[in-house]
């Protein structure tokens, strides 16, 4: 049975506060927010860090959209510091596909998420909470509409 965890906006603010504390003195040229789930956390981190925000569509679940932003890959290869932001890493597939699409190494970028699956093959550099995918948890963020699975 699926366990549903509801995040309030206050929960998200607390998570962003914790992530900002972890980031500490890291200097980034800009944030790349993954649309849709990462858009709000990325916007919040962009404001908190005082750096520009760019977005990209990449979904392995909803809508299956993949926006190839080659200019970001070129920035990474040119030595710019990029912080990729999403709501969570579950299977890790989204991040793995982006890294492959950009033809870079995982260590070439930093990643921040609110929640990290401890069983994922890829880990964020900065995260607030962890979960185990074996526990069948579904997160509902304040910017989402919850539709129970029958």
Protein backbone atom coordinates (compact mmCIF):
# COMPACT_ATOMS: atom_id res chain seq x y z
CA UNK A 1 0.00 0.00 0.00
CA UNK A 2 1.29 3.43 -0.92
CA UNK A 3 2.17 5.79 1.92
CA UNK A 4 1.43 9.42 1.14
CA UNK A 5 3.54 12.18 2.66
CA UNK A 6 2.20 15.72 2.32
CA UNK A 7 4.69 18.58 2.34
CA UNK A 8 3.38 21.98 3.38
CA UNK A 9 4.89 25.17 2.04
CA UNK A 10 6.44 25.67 5.50
CA UNK A 11 8.06 22.22 5.17
CA UNK A 12 9.54 23.20 1.82
CA UNK A 13 10.89 26.48 3.24
CA UNK A 14 12.54 24.54 6.08
CA UNK A 15 14.06 22.11 3.58
CA UNK A 16 15.42 24.97 1.47
CA UNK A 17 16.87 26.56 4.63
CA UNK A 18 18.66 23.29 5.42
CA UNK A 19 19.99 22.96 1.87
CA UNK A 20 21.27 26.56 1.86
CA UNK A 21 23.16 25.78 5.08
CA UNK A 22 24.79 22.76 3.39
CA UNK A 23 25.74 24.74 0.28
CA UNK A 24 27.57 27.23 2.51
CA UNK A 25 30.36 28.89 0.51
CA UNK A 26 29.86 27.14 -2.84
CA UNK A 27 29.78 29.65 -5.65
CA UNK A 28 27.54 28.89 -8.63
CA UNK A 29 27.05 30.75 -11.88
CA UNK A 30 23.38 29.77 -11.99
CA UNK A 31 20.70 27.30 -10.97
CA UNK A 32 19.01 24.96 -13.44
CA UNK A 33 15.54 23.99 -12.22
CA UNK A 34 13.98 20.81 -13.57
CA UNK A 35 10.39 21.53 -14.62
CA UNK A 36 7.92 20.63 -13.05
CA UNK A 37 8.85 19.31 -9.62
CA UNK A 38 12.08 21.25 -9.26
CA UNK A 39 10.74 24.61 -10.37
CA UNK A 40 9.63 25.93 -6.96
CA UNK A 41 12.70 24.67 -5.03
CA UNK A 42 14.98 26.02 -7.78
CA UNK A 43 13.30 29.43 -7.68
CA UNK A 44 13.65 29.53 -3.90
CA UNK A 45 17.33 28.52 -4.04
CA UNK A 46 18.01 31.06 -6.79
CA UNK A 47 16.62 33.82 -4.58
CA UNK A 48 18.37 32.61 -1.45
CA UNK A 49 21.74 32.26 -3.22
CA UNK A 50 21.33 35.47 -5.22
CA UNK A 51 22.08 33.82 -8.56
CA UNK A 52 20.19 33.51 -11.86
CA UNK A 53 17.70 30.73 -12.56
CA UNK A 54 17.30 28.83 -15.81
CA UNK A 55 14.83 26.02 -16.34
CA UNK A 56 14.63 22.90 -18.43
CA UNK A 57 11.96 20.30 -19.04
CA UNK A 58 12.99 16.74 -18.34
CA UNK A 59 10.49 14.18 -17.20
CA UNK A 60 10.80 10.42 -17.08
CA UNK A 61 7.33 10.02 -15.59
CA UNK A 62 4.75 12.72 -16.34
CA UNK A 63 4.43 13.97 -19.91
CA UNK A 64 7.76 12.39 -20.97
CA UNK A 65 9.21 15.76 -22.05
CA UNK A 66 12.93 16.14 -22.62
CA UNK A 67 14.34 19.54 -23.47
CA UNK A 68 17.88 19.42 -24.79
CA UNK A 69 19.65 22.52 -23.50
CA UNK A 70 23.04 22.16 -25.13
CA UNK A 71 24.10 25.64 -24.09
CA UNK A 72 24.06 24.55 -20.43
CA UNK A 73 26.28 21.58 -21.28
CA UNK A 74 28.67 23.94 -23.07
CA UNK A 75 28.74 26.19 -19.99
CA UNK A 76 29.61 23.18 -17.81
CA UNK A 77 32.37 22.13 -20.21
CA UNK A 78 33.68 25.71 -20.18
CA UNK A 79 34.05 25.54 -16.39
CA UNK A 80 30.91 27.29 -15.18
CA UNK A 81 29.52 26.06 -11.84
CA UNK A 82 25.95 24.84 -12.24
CA UNK A 83 23.53 23.74 -9.51
CA UNK A 84 20.80 21.42 -10.81
CA UNK A 85 17.67 21.44 -8.63
CA UNK A 86 14.74 19.01 -8.52
CA UNK A 87 12.19 18.09 -5.88
CA UNK A 88 13.61 14.62 -5.30
CA UNK A 89 15.76 11.85 -6.66
CA UNK A 90 13.78 8.62 -6.76
CA UNK A 91 15.07 6.21 -9.40
CA UNK A 92 17.84 8.61 -10.42
CA UNK A 93 16.89 8.16 -14.07
CA UNK A 94 16.13 11.85 -14.69
CA UNK A 95 19.55 13.02 -13.50
CA UNK A 96 21.33 10.14 -15.25
CA UNK A 97 19.65 11.00 -18.55
CA UNK A 98 20.50 14.71 -18.24
CA UNK A 99 24.16 13.91 -17.49
CA UNK A 100 24.26 11.58 -20.50
CA UNK A 101 22.48 14.11 -22.74
CA UNK A 102 24.99 16.78 -21.79
CA UNK A 103 27.89 14.32 -22.28
CA UNK A 104 29.46 15.30 -18.95
CA UNK A 105 30.47 13.48 -15.78
CA UNK A 106 28.30 13.47 -12.66
CA UNK A 107 31.09 15.26 -10.80
CA UNK A 108 30.93 18.20 -13.26
CA UNK A 109 27.73 19.59 -11.67
CA UNK A 110 26.21 19.81 -8.22
CA UNK A 111 22.67 18.66 -7.49
CA UNK A 112 20.23 19.76 -4.80
CA UNK A 113 16.93 18.04 -3.98
CA UNK A 114 14.54 18.15 -1.09
CA UNK A 115 14.44 14.37 -0.69
CA UNK A 116 16.84 11.60 -1.75
CA UNK A 117 16.06 7.92 -2.24
CA UNK A 118 18.76 5.98 -0.39
CA UNK A 119 18.55 3.21 -3.02
CA UNK A 120 19.06 5.47 -6.04
CA UNK A 121 22.24 4.92 -8.07
CA UNK A 122 22.90 8.68 -8.08
CA UNK A 123 23.00 10.99 -5.06
CA UNK A 124 22.44 14.71 -4.76
CA UNK A 125 25.23 16.77 -3.26
CA UNK A 126 22.69 18.60 -1.10
CA UNK A 127 19.39 17.27 0.26
CA UNK A 128 17.20 17.66 3.31
CA UNK A 129 15.60 14.26 3.82
CA UNK A 130 16.02 10.68 2.66
CA UNK A 131 13.57 7.89 1.96
CA UNK A 132 13.71 4.23 0.97
CA UNK A 133 11.85 3.37 -2.22
CA UNK A 134 11.02 -0.04 -0.70
CA UNK A 135 8.67 1.83 1.67
CA UNK A 136 6.46 2.88 -1.30
CA UNK A 137 6.23 6.54 -0.25
CA UNK A 138 4.56 9.12 -2.49
CA UNK A 139 5.37 12.77 -1.84
CA UNK A 140 2.73 15.43 -2.45
CA UNK A 141 4.22 18.91 -2.72
CA UNK A 142 2.22 22.07 -2.03
CA UNK A 143 2.31 22.96 -5.76
CA UNK A 144 0.69 19.63 -6.75
CA UNK A 145 -2.83 18.28 -6.78
CA UNK A 146 -3.08 14.93 -5.04
CA UNK A 147 -4.98 12.22 -6.90
CA UNK A 148 -5.17 8.96 -4.92
CA UNK A 149 -4.13 5.85 -6.79
CA UNK A 150 -6.96 3.30 -6.88
